[in-house]
């Protein structure tokens, strides 16, 4: 395909190539900014002790790996409905439903050998997310120490009130929408041009597609006024 022919197609459909991506990007921006409910994520960090002075404890749990594994198992406690209800009651938020936080509370372990544990809470209210993360982490430390009958974990950093939504993907959504609009234009133009390329409309098309000269042409009589 000739470069000149490609540029001619681009010039012909330039308005469409600009219009559709712009509309797609504007639509994505509108939905992301005005229709998407912002969700904030607050994180509290906890630290697993890496040494034990009590030989009895060492005999029971073996080493720090045993403590890490136990804490991972206890991590399901903090996500239970009873723990969430207890945290809400402690914060004086008895009117809030437990289902609001179901699936929005997570325990994050960096890796199997890490001593740092993060507890995150997501909610549309940044202050509430922060308060819940701090209260749940306090409960987790208390319950873990009680279950293991020794202090093995403590709060390292309390959760701060988040200021930026965790689901703020406006730039990403706009960029992907513009890219999708460009690809959509390319498909439309391809099919239109391909469908039209097999139709012989004038002498130039005969020379272009068939490679033979034009000897004569029949004029379009409907545009010629009769003199009679």
Protein backbone atom coordinates (compact mmCIF):
# COMPACT_ATOMS: atom_id res chain seq x y z
CA UNK A 1 0.00 0.00 0.00
CA UNK A 2 1.39 3.37 -1.02
CA UNK A 3 2.32 5.83 1.69
CA UNK A 4 0.49 8.54 -0.21
CA UNK A 5 -2.65 6.42 -0.24
CA UNK A 6 -2.40 5.93 3.55
CA UNK A 7 -2.07 9.66 4.14
CA UNK A 8 -5.04 10.28 1.88
CA UNK A 9 -7.15 7.89 3.98
CA UNK A 10 -5.98 9.54 7.20
CA UNK A 11 -6.83 12.97 5.85
CA UNK A 12 -10.23 11.73 4.69
CA UNK A 13 -11.15 10.27 8.08
CA UNK A 14 -9.27 12.75 10.25
CA UNK A 15 -12.47 14.08 11.83
CA UNK A 16 -13.51 10.58 12.89
CA UNK A 17 -10.05 9.72 14.23
CA UNK A 18 -10.21 12.81 16.45
CA UNK A 19 -13.89 12.73 17.38
CA UNK A 20 -14.31 9.18 18.69
CA UNK A 21 -11.17 9.07 20.93
CA UNK A 22 -12.02 12.51 22.35
CA UNK A 23 -15.59 11.44 23.13
CA UNK A 24 -14.35 8.16 24.64
CA UNK A 25 -11.80 9.97 26.81
CA UNK A 26 -14.33 12.59 27.91
CA UNK A 27 -16.82 9.87 28.81
CA UNK A 28 -14.22 7.98 30.86
CA UNK A 29 -13.23 11.19 32.65
CA UNK A 30 -16.85 12.00 33.49
CA UNK A 31 -17.55 8.51 34.84
CA UNK A 32 -14.30 8.36 36.83
CA UNK A 33 -14.70 11.79 38.43
CA UNK A 34 -18.45 12.23 38.83
CA UNK A 35 -19.95 8.75 38.85
CA UNK A 36 -17.38 6.62 40.67
CA UNK A 37 -17.67 6.51 44.47
CA UNK A 38 -14.20 7.16 45.96
CA UNK A 39 -12.84 4.39 48.18
CA UNK A 40 -10.13 5.13 50.73
CA UNK A 41 -7.70 2.59 52.18
CA UNK A 42 -6.19 3.01 55.64
CA UNK A 43 -3.31 0.80 56.79
CA UNK A 44 -1.93 0.00 60.21
CA UNK A 45 1.39 -1.85 60.55
CA UNK A 46 2.29 -4.43 63.18
CA UNK A 47 5.61 -6.01 64.07
CA UNK A 48 6.23 -9.66 64.97
CA UNK A 49 8.88 -10.10 67.67
CA UNK A 50 11.94 -11.87 66.30
CA UNK A 51 13.38 -13.04 69.59
CA UNK A 52 12.10 -14.85 72.67
CA UNK A 53 13.85 -14.94 76.00
CA UNK A 54 11.50 -17.44 77.57
CA UNK A 55 12.81 -20.97 76.92
CA UNK A 56 9.38 -22.40 77.70
CA UNK A 57 7.88 -20.41 74.84
CA UNK A 58 10.66 -21.56 72.54
CA UNK A 59 9.95 -25.14 73.42
CA UNK A 60 6.26 -24.68 72.65
CA UNK A 61 6.50 -22.75 69.38
CA UNK A 62 9.95 -23.80 68.19
CA UNK A 63 11.13 -20.52 66.69
CA UNK A 64 9.93 -17.31 65.07
CA UNK A 65 8.64 -19.21 62.04
CA UNK A 66 6.11 -20.99 64.21
CA UNK A 67 4.95 -17.66 65.61
CA UNK A 68 4.62 -16.22 62.11
CA UNK A 69 2.55 -19.17 60.95
CA UNK A 70 0.33 -18.93 64.01
CA UNK A 71 -0.26 -15.21 63.45
CA UNK A 72 -1.16 -15.89 59.83
CA UNK A 73 -3.78 -18.33 61.01
CA UNK A 74 -5.07 -15.88 63.59
CA UNK A 75 -5.28 -13.27 60.83
CA UNK A 76 -8.68 -14.67 59.86
CA UNK A 77 -9.96 -13.62 63.26
CA UNK A 78 -9.66 -9.92 62.49
CA UNK A 79 -11.83 -10.33 59.38
CA UNK A 80 -14.61 -12.17 61.18
CA UNK A 81 -18.01 -10.59 61.69
CA UNK A 82 -17.64 -10.75 65.47
CA UNK A 83 -14.35 -8.77 65.36
CA UNK A 84 -15.83 -6.14 63.04
CA UNK A 85 -18.95 -5.84 65.25
CA UNK A 86 -16.77 -5.51 68.33
CA UNK A 87 -14.70 -2.75 66.69
CA UNK A 88 -17.84 -0.85 65.63
CA UNK A 89 -19.27 -1.08 69.13
CA UNK A 90 -15.98 0.10 70.66
CA UNK A 91 -16.01 3.12 68.34
CA UNK A 92 -19.62 3.90 69.20
CA UNK A 93 -20.79 3.05 65.70
CA UNK A 94 -23.51 0.56 66.57
CA UNK A 95 -25.74 1.83 63.74
CA UNK A 96 -23.24 0.72 61.11
CA UNK A 97 -23.73 -2.71 59.57
CA UNK A 98 -21.03 -5.38 59.61
CA UNK A 99 -21.69 -6.08 55.92
CA UNK A 100 -20.30 -2.65 55.06
CA UNK A 101 -16.82 -3.90 55.96
CA UNK A 102 -17.14 -7.54 54.92
CA UNK A 103 -14.49 -8.14 52.28
CA UNK A 104 -12.93 -4.71 52.92
CA UNK A 105 -10.66 -5.81 55.80
CA UNK A 106 -7.41 -7.52 54.82
CA UNK A 107 -4.25 -8.78 56.48
CA UNK A 108 -1.17 -8.36 54.29
CA UNK A 109 2.07 -10.26 54.86
CA UNK A 110 4.95 -8.98 52.72
CA UNK A 111 6.45 -12.46 52.43
CA UNK A 112 6.86 -15.62 54.44
CA UNK A 113 10.01 -14.36 56.18
CA UNK A 114 8.81 -10.84 56.90
CA UNK A 115 8.21 -9.59 60.44
CA UNK A 116 5.88 -6.80 59.24
CA UNK A 117 2.13 -7.34 59.04
CA UNK A 118 -0.26 -4.75 57.60
CA UNK A 119 -3.95 -4.49 58.32
CA UNK A 120 -5.93 -2.49 55.78
CA UNK A 121 -9.52 -1.27 55.81
CA UNK A 122 -11.27 0.24 52.80
CA UNK A 123 -14.33 2.49 52.98
CA UNK A 124 -15.87 5.52 51.31
CA UNK A 125 -15.32 7.49 54.55
CA UNK A 126 -11.55 8.03 55.06
CA UNK A 127 -11.90 8.83 58.79
CA UNK A 128 -13.98 5.71 59.39
CA UNK A 129 -11.47 3.56 57.48
CA UNK A 130 -8.65 4.92 59.64
CA UNK A 131 -10.55 4.42 62.91
CA UNK A 132 -11.51 0.86 61.99
CA UNK A 133 -7.96 -0.05 60.96
CA UNK A 134 -6.58 1.19 64.27
CA UNK A 135 -9.26 -0.47 66.39
CA UNK A 136 -9.04 -3.79 64.56
CA UNK A 137 -5.24 -3.81 64.85
CA UNK A 138 -5.53 -3.19 68.60
CA UNK A 139 -8.00 -6.06 68.92
CA UNK A 140 -5.78 -8.31 66.82
CA UNK A 141 -2.74 -7.69 69.00
CA UNK A 142 -4.75 -8.29 72.15
CA UNK A 143 -6.39 -11.51 70.91
CA UNK A 144 -3.18 -12.89 69.40
CA UNK A 145 -1.21 -12.35 72.59
CA UNK A 146 -3.99 -13.96 74.59
CA UNK A 147 -4.27 -16.99 72.28
CA UNK A 148 -0.51 -17.53 72.15
CA UNK A 149 -0.18 -16.78 75.88
CA UNK A 150 2.71 -14.40 75.27
CA UNK A 151 3.39 -11.00 73.68
CA UNK A 152 4.50 -11.73 70.11
CA UNK A 153 3.17 -8.79 68.12
CA UNK A 154 2.79 -5.07 68.65
CA UNK A 155 1.58 -2.07 66.66
CA UNK A 156 4.35 -0.40 64.68
CA UNK A 157 2.47 2.38 62.86
CA UNK A 158 -1.10 3.45 63.42
CA UNK A 159 -3.29 4.12 60.40
CA UNK A 160 -3.45 7.72 59.22
CA UNK A 161 -6.50 9.24 57.59
CA UNK A 162 -6.03 8.70 53.82
CA UNK A 163 -6.39 11.75 51.60
CA UNK A 164 -6.27 10.12 48.15
CA UNK A 165 -8.79 7.48 47.02
CA UNK A 166 -7.29 4.07 46.35
CA UNK A 167 -9.53 3.64 43.31
CA UNK A 168 -8.51 6.91 41.63
CA UNK A 169 -7.69 5.55 38.17
CA UNK A 170 -8.84 8.60 36.18
CA UNK A 171 -5.67 8.92 34.09
CA UNK A 172 -5.53 5.21 33.41
CA UNK A 173 -9.20 5.03 32.44
CA UNK A 174 -8.96 8.08 30.16
CA UNK A 175 -5.82 6.75 28.48
CA UNK A 176 -7.31 3.31 27.88
CA UNK A 177 -10.53 4.83 26.58
CA UNK A 178 -8.66 7.02 24.10
CA UNK A 179 -6.62 4.03 22.95
CA UNK A 180 -9.80 1.96 22.57
CA UNK A 181 -11.36 4.81 20.58
CA UNK A 182 -8.39 4.91 18.20
CA UNK A 183 -8.54 1.15 17.69
CA UNK A 184 -12.29 1.37 17.10
CA UNK A 185 -11.71 4.07 14.46
CA UNK A 186 -9.07 1.92 12.77
CA UNK A 187 -11.49 -1.01 12.53
CA UNK A 188 -14.28 1.15 11.13
CA UNK A 189 -12.04 2.84 8.57
CA UNK A 190 -10.52 -0.47 7.51
CA UNK A 191 -13.87 -2.09 6.82
CA UNK A 192 -15.25 0.98 5.03
CA UNK A 193 -12.18 1.38 2.87
CA UNK A 194 -11.85 -2.34 2.23
CA UNK A 195 -15.52 -2.66 1.26
CA UNK A 196 -15.23 0.37 -0.96
CA UNK A 197 -11.97 -0.73 -2.58
CA UNK A 198 -13.66 -3.53 -4.52
CA UNK A 199 -16.09 -1.11 -6.17
CA UNK A 200 -15.05 0.51 -9.45
CA UNK A 201 -16.41 4.05 -9.38
CA UNK A 202 -14.41 5.84 -12.08
CA UNK A 203 -11.57 5.55 -14.54
CA UNK A 204 -8.96 6.14 -11.85
CA UNK A 205 -10.15 3.03 -9.99
CA UNK A 206 -9.78 0.95 -13.16
CA UNK A 207 -6.19 2.07 -13.61
CA UNK A 208 -5.45 1.68 -9.91
CA UNK A 209 -6.95 -1.75 -9.26
CA UNK A 210 -6.90 -3.42 -12.68
CA UNK A 211 -3.78 -1.84 -14.09
CA UNK A 212 -5.29 -1.28 -17.58
CA UNK A 213 -5.86 1.98 -19.44
CA UNK A 214 -9.32 3.51 -19.88
CA UNK A 215 -10.40 3.83 -23.52
CA UNK A 216 -13.78 5.45 -23.03
CA UNK A 217 -16.36 6.35 -20.39
CA UNK A 218 -20.14 6.67 -20.40
CA UNK A 219 -21.22 9.95 -18.83
CA UNK A 220 -23.82 10.11 -16.06
CA UNK A 221 -26.86 11.27 -18.03
CA UNK A 222 -28.97 12.23 -15.02
CA UNK A 223 -26.80 15.31 -14.49
CA UNK A 224 -27.11 16.44 -18.11
CA UNK A 225 -30.12 18.63 -18.89
CA UNK A 226 -31.91 17.86 -22.11
CA UNK A 227 -32.24 20.56 -24.71
CA UNK A 228 -35.56 19.24 -25.96
